[in-house]
Amino acid sequence: MTCTGYVMAPSDGNWCETYYNEPVTGDGRISFECTAKVSYTTSVGACWAVNEKYNAGHTYFGDRDCLERCNTDMTCTGYVMAPTPSNGNWCETYYNEPVTGDGRISFECNSKVEGGGGEEEEEEDEEEERH
């Protein structure tokens, strides 16, 4: 079984619930907060749409907070960061299209896994290089 999310009791309660194997999302009740665990696969390169040869819809940020942004945005499908902080203080998040790396070795594309189990996974297959 893989934990996919949890709910903690409101401030006056002493309980929690965990959910397994199926993706979770909140049901809209404001007194509870559903937390879905998120995991990613990584592939070599900047992120591109999986089924197309174009850069998937993305947003540039002048910081390194894209993991947190993607974890909390249901429409985010992945992110890429500047290779190292010394090479730049930026990142990009991608939306609505599944993404994979384009093969450039100086970048690492992090693709969100639907209903993930909270652990980062390495992608085993080499990605086809895109030009």
N, C-alpha and C. Protein backbone atom coordinates (compact mmCIF):
# COMPACT_ATOMS: atom_id res chain seq x y z
N MET A 1 0.84 -1.19 0.00
CA MET A 1 0.00 0.00 0.00
C MET A 1 0.88 1.24 0.00
N THR A 2 0.44 2.26 -0.74
CA THR A 2 1.15 3.52 -0.80
C THR A 2 0.25 4.62 -0.27
N CYS A 3 0.74 5.35 0.73
CA CYS A 3 -0.03 6.47 1.27
C CYS A 3 -0.09 7.58 0.23
N THR A 4 -1.31 8.06 -0.07
CA THR A 4 -1.46 9.12 -1.05
C THR A 4 -1.96 10.43 -0.44
N GLY A 5 -2.31 10.42 0.85
CA GLY A 5 -2.76 11.65 1.48
C GLY A 5 -3.25 11.44 2.89
N TYR A 6 -3.55 12.56 3.55
CA TYR A 6 -4.02 12.49 4.93
C TYR A 6 -4.86 13.71 5.28
N VAL A 7 -5.64 13.57 6.36
CA VAL A 7 -6.42 14.65 6.94
C VAL A 7 -6.13 14.66 8.43
N MET A 8 -5.79 15.82 8.96
CA MET A 8 -5.59 15.99 10.40
C MET A 8 -6.87 16.54 11.01
N ALA A 9 -7.09 16.22 12.27
CA ALA A 9 -8.26 16.74 12.98
C ALA A 9 -8.19 18.26 13.04
N PRO A 10 -9.36 18.92 13.06
CA PRO A 10 -9.35 20.36 13.31
C PRO A 10 -8.67 20.62 14.66
N SER A 11 -8.39 21.86 14.97
CA SER A 11 -7.61 22.21 16.16
C SER A 11 -8.19 21.65 17.45
N ASP A 12 -9.47 21.33 17.51
CA ASP A 12 -10.06 20.81 18.75
C ASP A 12 -10.14 19.28 18.77
N GLY A 13 -9.56 18.59 17.79
CA GLY A 13 -9.64 17.13 17.73
C GLY A 13 -8.31 16.47 17.98
N ASN A 14 -8.36 15.17 18.18
CA ASN A 14 -7.16 14.39 18.44
C ASN A 14 -7.21 13.14 17.57
N TRP A 15 -7.22 13.31 16.25
CA TRP A 15 -7.28 12.19 15.34
C TRP A 15 -6.72 12.59 13.98
N CYS A 16 -6.50 11.62 13.13
CA CYS A 16 -6.12 11.85 11.73
C CYS A 16 -6.60 10.66 10.91
N GLU A 17 -6.67 10.85 9.60
CA GLU A 17 -7.02 9.78 8.68
C GLU A 17 -5.97 9.73 7.58
N THR A 18 -5.60 8.53 7.17
CA THR A 18 -4.69 8.36 6.04
C THR A 18 -5.43 7.67 4.91
N TYR A 19 -5.00 7.93 3.67
CA TYR A 19 -5.63 7.37 2.49
C TYR A 19 -4.58 6.66 1.66
N TYR A 20 -4.97 5.54 1.04
CA TYR A 20 -4.01 4.70 0.35
C TYR A 20 -4.42 4.38 -1.08
N ASN A 21 -3.42 4.32 -1.95
CA ASN A 21 -3.48 3.80 -3.32
C ASN A 21 -4.27 4.63 -4.32
N GLU A 22 -5.22 5.42 -3.94
CA GLU A 22 -5.99 6.23 -4.86
C GLU A 22 -5.64 7.71 -4.66
N PRO A 23 -5.58 8.51 -5.75
CA PRO A 23 -5.34 9.95 -5.58
C PRO A 23 -6.43 10.57 -4.71
N VAL A 24 -6.07 11.56 -3.91
CA VAL A 24 -7.03 12.21 -3.03
C VAL A 24 -7.12 13.70 -3.32
N THR A 25 -8.26 14.27 -2.97
CA THR A 25 -8.47 15.71 -3.06
C THR A 25 -9.52 16.08 -2.02
N GLY A 26 -9.51 17.33 -1.59
CA GLY A 26 -10.48 17.78 -0.60
C GLY A 26 -11.90 17.77 -1.14
N ASP A 27 -12.87 17.64 -0.24
CA ASP A 27 -14.28 17.60 -0.66
C ASP A 27 -14.98 18.94 -0.49
N GLY A 28 -14.23 19.99 -0.13
CA GLY A 28 -14.80 21.33 -0.05
C GLY A 28 -15.20 21.80 1.33
N ARG A 29 -15.23 20.88 2.31
CA ARG A 29 -15.60 21.32 3.67
C ARG A 29 -14.45 22.14 4.25
N ILE A 30 -14.76 23.37 4.71
CA ILE A 30 -13.72 24.29 5.15
C ILE A 30 -13.12 23.95 6.51
N SER A 31 -13.75 23.08 7.27
CA SER A 31 -13.20 22.73 8.59
C SER A 31 -12.13 21.65 8.50
N PHE A 32 -11.88 21.11 7.31
CA PHE A 32 -10.86 20.06 7.12
C PHE A 32 -9.90 20.48 6.03
N GLU A 33 -8.68 19.97 6.10
CA GLU A 33 -7.70 20.22 5.06
C GLU A 33 -7.09 18.90 4.63
N CYS A 34 -7.39 18.50 3.40
CA CYS A 34 -6.85 17.28 2.83
C CYS A 34 -5.47 17.59 2.27
N THR A 35 -4.48 16.79 2.62
CA THR A 35 -3.14 16.96 2.11
C THR A 35 -2.79 15.75 1.24
N ALA A 36 -2.63 15.97 -0.05
CA ALA A 36 -2.27 14.91 -0.98
C ALA A 36 -0.74 14.86 -1.08
N LYS A 37 -0.19 13.67 -0.97
CA LYS A 37 1.24 13.50 -1.16
C LYS A 37 1.55 13.56 -2.65
N VAL A 38 2.66 14.13 -2.99
CA VAL A 38 3.04 14.32 -4.38
C VAL A 38 4.41 13.69 -4.60
N SER A 39 4.57 13.01 -5.73
CA SER A 39 5.89 12.48 -6.08
C SER A 39 6.20 12.86 -7.52
N TYR A 40 7.47 12.71 -7.89
CA TYR A 40 7.95 13.13 -9.20
C TYR A 40 8.88 12.07 -9.77
N THR A 41 8.88 11.96 -11.09
CA THR A 41 9.94 11.23 -11.77
C THR A 41 10.85 12.28 -12.37
N THR A 42 12.11 11.95 -12.51
CA THR A 42 13.05 12.90 -13.10
C THR A 42 13.57 12.37 -14.42
N SER A 43 13.82 13.28 -15.34
CA SER A 43 14.40 12.92 -16.63
C SER A 43 15.38 14.02 -17.03
N VAL A 44 16.32 13.67 -17.89
CA VAL A 44 17.37 14.60 -18.30
C VAL A 44 16.80 15.64 -19.25
N GLY A 45 17.08 16.91 -18.94
CA GLY A 45 16.72 18.00 -19.83
C GLY A 45 15.70 18.95 -19.27
N ALA A 46 15.51 20.07 -19.95
CA ALA A 46 14.44 21.00 -19.63
C ALA A 46 13.13 20.33 -19.99
N CYS A 47 12.05 20.72 -19.35
CA CYS A 47 10.75 20.06 -19.56
C CYS A 47 10.12 20.45 -20.90
N TRP A 48 9.58 19.46 -21.58
CA TRP A 48 8.81 19.61 -22.81
C TRP A 48 7.56 18.76 -22.69
N ALA A 49 6.52 19.11 -23.44
CA ALA A 49 5.30 18.31 -23.45
C ALA A 49 5.63 16.90 -23.95
N VAL A 50 5.11 15.88 -23.27
CA VAL A 50 5.40 14.49 -23.61
C VAL A 50 4.95 14.15 -25.03
N ASN A 51 3.76 14.52 -25.40
CA ASN A 51 3.19 14.11 -26.68
C ASN A 51 3.40 15.08 -27.83
N GLU A 52 4.11 16.16 -27.58
CA GLU A 52 4.33 17.18 -28.60
C GLU A 52 5.79 17.59 -28.57
N LYS A 53 6.23 18.26 -29.60
CA LYS A 53 7.61 18.75 -29.61
C LYS A 53 7.60 20.26 -29.38
N TYR A 54 7.05 20.66 -28.25
CA TYR A 54 7.05 22.07 -27.90
C TYR A 54 7.18 22.20 -26.39
N ASN A 55 7.53 23.38 -25.97
CA ASN A 55 7.67 23.68 -24.56
C ASN A 55 6.28 23.83 -23.97
N ALA A 56 5.90 22.95 -23.06
CA ALA A 56 4.55 22.97 -22.46
C ALA A 56 4.32 24.31 -21.77
N GLY A 57 3.05 24.72 -21.65
CA GLY A 57 2.72 25.97 -20.99
C GLY A 57 3.46 26.10 -19.67
N HIS A 58 4.20 27.15 -19.51
CA HIS A 58 5.01 27.28 -18.29
C HIS A 58 5.04 28.72 -17.78
N THR A 59 5.49 28.84 -16.53
CA THR A 59 5.64 30.14 -15.89
C THR A 59 7.04 30.22 -15.30
N TYR A 60 7.74 31.30 -15.59
CA TYR A 60 9.08 31.55 -15.08
C TYR A 60 8.99 32.27 -13.74
N PHE A 61 9.86 31.87 -12.78
CA PHE A 61 9.96 32.55 -11.49
C PHE A 61 11.43 32.86 -11.20
N GLY A 62 11.69 33.99 -10.61
CA GLY A 62 13.05 34.40 -10.25
C GLY A 62 13.44 33.93 -8.86
N ASP A 63 13.14 32.67 -8.55
CA ASP A 63 13.51 32.08 -7.25
C ASP A 63 13.64 30.58 -7.43
N ARG A 64 13.78 29.83 -6.35
CA ARG A 64 13.93 28.38 -6.43
C ARG A 64 12.81 27.67 -5.66
N ASP A 65 11.59 28.22 -5.70
CA ASP A 65 10.47 27.69 -4.93
C ASP A 65 9.48 26.88 -5.77
N CYS A 66 9.88 26.38 -6.93
CA CYS A 66 8.94 25.71 -7.82
C CYS A 66 8.46 24.36 -7.31
N LEU A 67 9.26 23.63 -6.54
CA LEU A 67 8.78 22.37 -5.97
C LEU A 67 7.56 22.63 -5.09
N GLU A 68 7.66 23.59 -4.20
CA GLU A 68 6.53 23.92 -3.33
C GLU A 68 5.32 24.39 -4.14
N ARG A 69 5.56 25.23 -5.15
CA ARG A 69 4.45 25.70 -5.99
C ARG A 69 3.75 24.52 -6.68
N CYS A 70 4.53 23.64 -7.25
CA CYS A 70 3.95 22.52 -7.99
C CYS A 70 3.22 21.56 -7.05
N ASN A 71 3.76 21.35 -5.85
CA ASN A 71 3.10 20.47 -4.88
C ASN A 71 1.71 20.97 -4.52
N THR A 72 1.51 22.27 -4.51
CA THR A 72 0.24 22.84 -4.05
C THR A 72 -0.69 23.27 -5.18
N ASP A 73 -0.30 23.08 -6.43
CA ASP A 73 -1.12 23.47 -7.57
C ASP A 73 -1.53 22.22 -8.35
N MET A 74 -2.81 21.90 -8.33
CA MET A 74 -3.31 20.69 -8.99
C MET A 74 -3.08 20.70 -10.50
N THR A 75 -2.96 21.87 -11.13
CA THR A 75 -2.76 21.93 -12.58
C THR A 75 -1.29 21.83 -12.98
N CYS A 76 -0.39 21.92 -12.01
CA CYS A 76 1.05 21.83 -12.30
C CYS A 76 1.40 20.38 -12.63
N THR A 77 2.12 20.19 -13.75
CA THR A 77 2.52 18.85 -14.16
C THR A 77 4.02 18.61 -14.00
N GLY A 78 4.79 19.65 -13.66
CA GLY A 78 6.22 19.48 -13.47
C GLY A 78 6.93 20.80 -13.30
N TYR A 79 8.23 20.70 -13.06
CA TYR A 79 9.04 21.90 -12.88
C TYR A 79 10.49 21.61 -13.24
N VAL A 80 11.23 22.68 -13.53
CA VAL A 80 12.67 22.63 -13.77
C VAL A 80 13.29 23.78 -13.00
N MET A 81 14.50 23.56 -12.48
CA MET A 81 15.20 24.59 -11.72
C MET A 81 16.50 24.92 -12.44
N ALA A 82 17.05 26.10 -12.15
CA ALA A 82 18.39 26.42 -12.63
C ALA A 82 19.31 25.28 -12.16
N PRO A 83 20.29 24.88 -12.98
CA PRO A 83 21.11 23.72 -12.64
C PRO A 83 21.71 23.76 -11.23
N THR A 84 22.21 24.90 -10.82
CA THR A 84 22.70 25.07 -9.45
C THR A 84 22.42 26.51 -9.05
N PRO A 85 22.34 26.79 -7.75
CA PRO A 85 22.11 28.18 -7.34
C PRO A 85 23.14 29.15 -7.91
N SER A 86 24.38 28.70 -8.10
CA SER A 86 25.40 29.60 -8.65
C SER A 86 25.17 29.88 -10.14
N ASN A 87 24.40 29.02 -10.83
CA ASN A 87 24.10 29.24 -12.25
C ASN A 87 22.83 30.03 -12.46
N GLY A 88 22.17 30.40 -11.39
CA GLY A 88 20.95 31.19 -11.55
C GLY A 88 19.96 30.92 -10.45
N ASN A 89 19.22 31.95 -10.15
CA ASN A 89 18.19 31.86 -9.13
C ASN A 89 16.84 31.92 -9.86
N TRP A 90 16.45 30.81 -10.50
CA TRP A 90 15.20 30.76 -11.24
C TRP A 90 14.68 29.34 -11.30
N CYS A 91 13.42 29.23 -11.65
CA CYS A 91 12.79 27.95 -11.91
C CYS A 91 11.57 28.19 -12.78
N GLU A 92 11.03 27.12 -13.37
CA GLU A 92 9.82 27.21 -14.18
C GLU A 92 8.87 26.09 -13.78
N THR A 93 7.58 26.39 -13.72
CA THR A 93 6.56 25.36 -13.51
C THR A 93 5.81 25.18 -14.82
N TYR A 94 5.29 23.97 -15.03
CA TYR A 94 4.61 23.61 -16.27
C TYR A 94 3.19 23.18 -15.95
N TYR A 95 2.28 23.42 -16.89
CA TYR A 95 0.86 23.24 -16.63
C TYR A 95 0.14 22.48 -17.73
N ASN A 96 -0.84 21.69 -17.32
CA ASN A 96 -1.86 21.08 -18.17
C ASN A 96 -1.38 19.97 -19.10
N GLU A 97 -0.12 19.88 -19.42
CA GLU A 97 0.40 18.83 -20.29
C GLU A 97 1.44 18.02 -19.51
N PRO A 98 1.41 16.67 -19.60
CA PRO A 98 2.50 15.89 -19.01
C PRO A 98 3.83 16.31 -19.64
N VAL A 99 4.89 16.35 -18.85
CA VAL A 99 6.19 16.81 -19.35
C VAL A 99 7.27 15.75 -19.15
N THR A 100 8.33 15.88 -19.95
CA THR A 100 9.51 15.04 -19.85
C THR A 100 10.71 15.86 -20.28
N GLY A 101 11.91 15.41 -19.92
CA GLY A 101 13.13 16.13 -20.28
C GLY A 101 13.43 16.07 -21.76
N ASP A 102 14.08 17.13 -22.27
CA ASP A 102 14.41 17.21 -23.70
C ASP A 102 15.81 16.69 -24.01
N GLY A 103 16.51 16.14 -23.02
CA GLY A 103 17.81 15.52 -23.25
C GLY A 103 19.02 16.37 -22.97
N ARG A 104 18.85 17.67 -22.74
CA ARG A 104 20.00 18.54 -22.44
C ARG A 104 20.50 18.21 -21.03
N ILE A 105 21.78 17.83 -20.92
CA ILE A 105 22.30 17.31 -19.65
C ILE A 105 22.45 18.36 -18.56
N SER A 106 22.35 19.63 -18.87
CA SER A 106 22.51 20.65 -17.84
C SER A 106 21.22 20.92 -17.06
N PHE A 107 20.11 20.23 -17.43
CA PHE A 107 18.83 20.44 -16.75
C PHE A 107 18.25 19.10 -16.30
N GLU A 108 17.34 19.17 -15.34
CA GLU A 108 16.62 17.99 -14.88
C GLU A 108 15.14 18.33 -14.79
N CYS A 109 14.32 17.65 -15.57
CA CYS A 109 12.87 17.86 -15.57
C CYS A 109 12.25 16.97 -14.49
N ASN A 110 11.42 17.55 -13.66
CA ASN A 110 10.72 16.83 -12.60
C ASN A 110 9.25 16.76 -12.97
N SER A 111 8.76 15.56 -13.29
CA SER A 111 7.39 15.35 -13.76
C SER A 111 6.53 14.81 -12.63
N LYS A 112 5.42 15.48 -12.38
CA LYS A 112 4.52 15.05 -11.31
C LYS A 112 3.89 13.70 -11.65
N VAL A 113 3.85 12.82 -10.65
CA VAL A 113 3.23 11.51 -10.80
C VAL A 113 1.82 11.61 -10.24
N GLU A 114 0.83 11.29 -11.03
CA GLU A 114 -0.57 11.34 -10.61
C GLU A 114 -0.79 10.48 -9.38
N GLY A 115 -1.33 11.07 -8.31
CA GLY A 115 -1.63 10.32 -7.09
C GLY A 115 -0.40 9.73 -6.45
N GLY A 116 0.73 10.43 -6.56
CA GLY A 116 2.01 9.91 -6.13
C GLY A 116 2.08 9.55 -4.66
N GLY A 117 3.12 8.82 -4.32
CA GLY A 117 3.28 8.34 -2.96
C GLY A 117 4.26 9.13 -2.14
N GLY A 118 4.68 10.29 -2.59
CA GLY A 118 5.51 11.14 -1.76
C GLY A 118 6.99 10.93 -1.87
N GLU A 119 7.44 10.07 -2.76
CA GLU A 119 8.86 9.85 -2.92
C GLU A 119 9.25 10.20 -4.34
N GLU A 120 10.45 10.77 -4.48
CA GLU A 120 10.95 11.09 -5.80
C GLU A 120 11.48 9.81 -6.43
N GLU A 121 11.16 9.57 -7.69
CA GLU A 121 11.59 8.37 -8.38
C GLU A 121 12.48 8.76 -9.54
N GLU A 122 13.46 7.92 -9.85
CA GLU A 122 14.31 8.14 -11.02
C GLU A 122 13.68 7.44 -12.20
N GLU A 123 13.62 8.10 -13.34
CA GLU A 123 13.10 7.50 -14.55
C GLU A 123 14.18 6.63 -15.15
N GLU A 124 13.85 5.38 -15.47
CA GLU A 124 14.85 4.44 -15.93
C GLU A 124 15.12 4.53 -17.42
N ASP A 125 14.11 4.81 -18.23
CA ASP A 125 14.29 4.86 -19.67
C ASP A 125 14.96 6.16 -20.08
N GLU A 126 15.89 6.07 -21.02
CA GLU A 126 16.50 7.30 -21.54
C GLU A 126 15.50 8.00 -22.42
N GLU A 127 15.45 9.30 -22.34
CA GLU A 127 14.52 10.09 -23.12
C GLU A 127 15.12 10.35 -24.51
N GLU A 128 14.27 10.38 -25.53
CA GLU A 128 14.72 10.71 -26.88
C GLU A 128 15.13 12.17 -26.90
N GLU A 129 16.30 12.45 -27.45
CA GLU A 129 16.79 13.83 -27.50
C GLU A 129 15.97 14.64 -28.49
N ARG A 130 15.60 15.85 -28.09
CA ARG A 130 14.81 16.75 -28.94
C ARG A 130 15.66 17.94 -29.32
N HIS A 131 15.44 18.43 -30.49
CA HIS A 131 16.19 19.61 -30.97
C HIS A 131 15.29 20.79 -31.09
